[in-house]
Protein backbone atom coordinates (compact mmCIF):
# COMPACT_ATOMS: atom_id res chain seq x y z
CA MET A 1 -82.51 -149.78 -21.13
CA ASP A 2 -85.25 -149.26 -18.53
CA ILE A 3 -84.65 -151.77 -15.72
CA ALA A 4 -88.27 -152.95 -15.82
CA LEU A 5 -87.75 -154.01 -19.44
CA ASP A 6 -84.65 -156.15 -18.80
CA PRO A 7 -85.48 -159.71 -19.91
CA PRO A 8 -85.14 -161.28 -16.42
CA MET A 9 -87.45 -158.64 -14.92
CA THR A 10 -89.93 -159.17 -17.74
CA VAL A 11 -90.16 -162.87 -16.79
CA VAL A 12 -90.64 -161.94 -13.11
CA LEU A 13 -93.48 -159.60 -14.12
CA GLN A 14 -95.05 -162.38 -16.23
CA TYR A 15 -94.86 -164.77 -13.26
CA VAL A 16 -96.53 -162.25 -10.93
CA ASN A 17 -99.20 -161.56 -13.55
CA ALA A 18 -99.89 -165.31 -13.78
CA PHE A 19 -100.13 -165.42 -9.96
CA ASN A 20 -102.55 -162.47 -9.94
CA ASN A 21 -104.68 -164.34 -12.48
CA GLY A 22 -104.56 -167.58 -10.47
CA ASP A 23 -102.93 -169.36 -13.42
CA SER A 24 -100.63 -172.01 -11.96
CA LYS A 25 -99.96 -173.51 -15.40
CA ALA A 26 -98.64 -170.17 -16.67
CA MET A 27 -96.53 -169.79 -13.51
CA ALA A 28 -95.06 -173.27 -14.02
CA ALA A 29 -94.31 -172.56 -17.69
CA LEU A 30 -92.00 -169.73 -16.60
CA CYS A 31 -90.00 -171.97 -14.25
CA ALA A 32 -86.90 -174.07 -14.78
CA ASP A 33 -86.71 -177.71 -13.80
CA PRO A 34 -85.80 -177.99 -11.03
CA MET A 35 -87.51 -175.06 -9.33
CA GLN A 36 -87.39 -174.06 -5.66
CA ILE A 37 -89.74 -171.87 -3.63
CA LEU A 38 -89.19 -170.58 -0.09
CA ASP A 39 -92.26 -168.98 1.49
CA GLY A 40 -93.59 -168.12 4.95
CA MET A 41 -96.43 -170.61 4.58
CA SER A 42 -95.91 -174.17 5.77
CA PRO A 43 -94.26 -176.42 4.62
CA HIS A 44 -92.09 -173.39 3.61
CA VAL A 45 -90.15 -175.13 0.81
CA TRP A 46 -91.36 -176.53 -2.51
CA GLN A 47 -88.97 -177.93 -5.06
CA GLY A 48 -88.85 -179.91 -8.26
CA PRO A 49 -90.60 -179.73 -11.61
CA THR A 50 -94.04 -179.09 -10.06
CA ALA A 51 -92.92 -176.63 -7.34
CA SER A 52 -95.08 -173.71 -8.54
CA GLU A 53 -98.19 -175.82 -8.97
CA ASP A 54 -97.66 -177.57 -5.62
CA TRP A 55 -97.12 -174.21 -3.92
CA TRP A 56 -100.26 -172.75 -5.55
CA ARG A 57 -102.30 -175.79 -4.44
CA ASP A 58 -101.09 -175.21 -0.86
CA VAL A 59 -101.87 -171.46 -1.08
CA ARG A 60 -105.45 -172.28 -2.08
CA ARG A 61 -105.74 -174.94 0.61
CA GLU A 62 -104.49 -172.60 3.34
CA GLY A 63 -106.66 -169.80 1.94
CA GLU A 64 -109.76 -171.97 2.22
CA HIS A 65 -108.87 -172.78 5.82
CA ALA A 66 -108.21 -169.12 6.76
CA GLY A 67 -110.99 -167.58 4.67
CA ALA A 68 -108.52 -165.87 2.31
CA SER A 69 -109.04 -165.20 -1.39
CA SER A 70 -108.39 -162.66 -4.15
CA TYR A 71 -104.61 -162.56 -3.77
CA HIS A 72 -102.86 -159.78 -5.67
CA ILE A 73 -99.20 -158.76 -5.79
CA ALA A 74 -98.01 -155.32 -6.86
CA LEU A 75 -94.29 -154.90 -7.45
CA GLY A 76 -92.30 -151.74 -6.85
CA GLU A 77 -89.11 -150.58 -8.55
CA PRO A 78 -86.52 -153.37 -8.52
CA GLN A 79 -83.69 -152.96 -6.03
CA HIS A 80 -81.50 -155.37 -8.00
CA VAL A 81 -81.58 -156.85 -11.47
CA ASP A 82 -78.11 -158.36 -11.64
CA VAL A 83 -77.27 -160.40 -14.73
CA THR A 84 -74.10 -162.45 -15.01
CA GLY A 85 -74.02 -164.46 -18.22
CA ASP A 86 -76.87 -166.96 -18.10
CA HIS A 87 -77.82 -166.20 -14.49
CA ALA A 88 -79.80 -163.37 -12.94
CA TYR A 89 -80.76 -162.20 -9.45
CA VAL A 90 -83.77 -159.93 -8.94
CA VAL A 91 -84.95 -158.27 -5.73
CA VAL A 92 -88.20 -156.33 -5.86
CA PRO A 93 -90.23 -154.65 -3.11
CA ALA A 94 -93.75 -156.01 -3.11
CA THR A 95 -97.18 -155.38 -1.68
CA MET A 96 -99.78 -158.12 -1.41
CA THR A 97 -103.47 -157.61 -0.94
CA VAL A 98 -105.82 -160.39 0.02
CA ASN A 99 -109.46 -160.65 0.97
CA LEU A 100 -109.44 -162.15 4.47
CA GLN A 101 -112.86 -163.14 5.76
CA GLY A 102 -114.50 -160.37 3.75
CA LYS A 103 -111.98 -157.61 4.55
CA GLN A 104 -109.15 -156.45 2.35
CA VAL A 105 -105.80 -156.85 4.09
CA THR A 106 -102.60 -155.33 2.71
CA GLN A 107 -99.13 -156.65 3.44
CA THR A 108 -96.56 -153.93 2.78
CA GLY A 109 -92.78 -153.98 2.89
CA ALA A 110 -92.36 -157.48 1.47
CA LEU A 111 -89.45 -158.47 -0.76
CA PHE A 112 -89.75 -160.84 -3.70
CA THR A 113 -86.32 -162.30 -4.45
CA VAL A 114 -85.89 -164.36 -7.60
CA ALA A 115 -83.03 -166.31 -9.17
CA LEU A 116 -83.27 -166.99 -12.90
CA GLY A 117 -81.31 -168.94 -15.45
CA LYS A 118 -81.38 -169.21 -19.20
CA ALA A 119 -82.85 -172.30 -20.81
CA GLY A 120 -81.65 -171.88 -24.37
CA THR A 121 -82.53 -168.28 -25.14
CA GLN A 122 -85.38 -168.03 -22.59
CA TRP A 123 -85.07 -166.81 -19.01
CA ARG A 124 -86.72 -169.10 -16.44
CA LEU A 125 -87.18 -168.77 -12.71
CA THR A 126 -84.96 -171.25 -10.84
CA ALA A 127 -85.93 -170.14 -7.33
CA TRP A 128 -87.87 -167.48 -5.49
CA ALA A 129 -88.36 -166.40 -1.89
CA TRP A 130 -90.96 -164.14 -0.31
CA ALA A 131 -89.84 -162.16 2.73
CA LYS A 132 -92.90 -160.93 4.61
CA GLY A 133 -93.32 -157.27 5.37
CA ALA A 134 -95.68 -155.60 7.81
């Protein structure tokens, strides 16, 4: 099976697509309860049933302050899609583009690391971390 089509990776791709569309409800629907997020933006950690929506609210708030908008993530080929029973670990190189005060800025060399678990027959994100690149 093509690694990009593995069920855990499919959910990661759906989450990133929801992010790219600014759809915090769709992001939250792909998450387990509880959910945890670790990101370079303060307060750095979000957790609980509304972690994705709280994080997205803070992204928008910080974006307004910094003059940032039009966030977009592009994922590369996964470095790991490790599945052990009802648990999965995914590591994917990522590039983020953002409009910063009218100029497109590209962050390369980032890593998007995701833990997933099964809720019934569905994979759900249980945690993710973004490691900044250049």
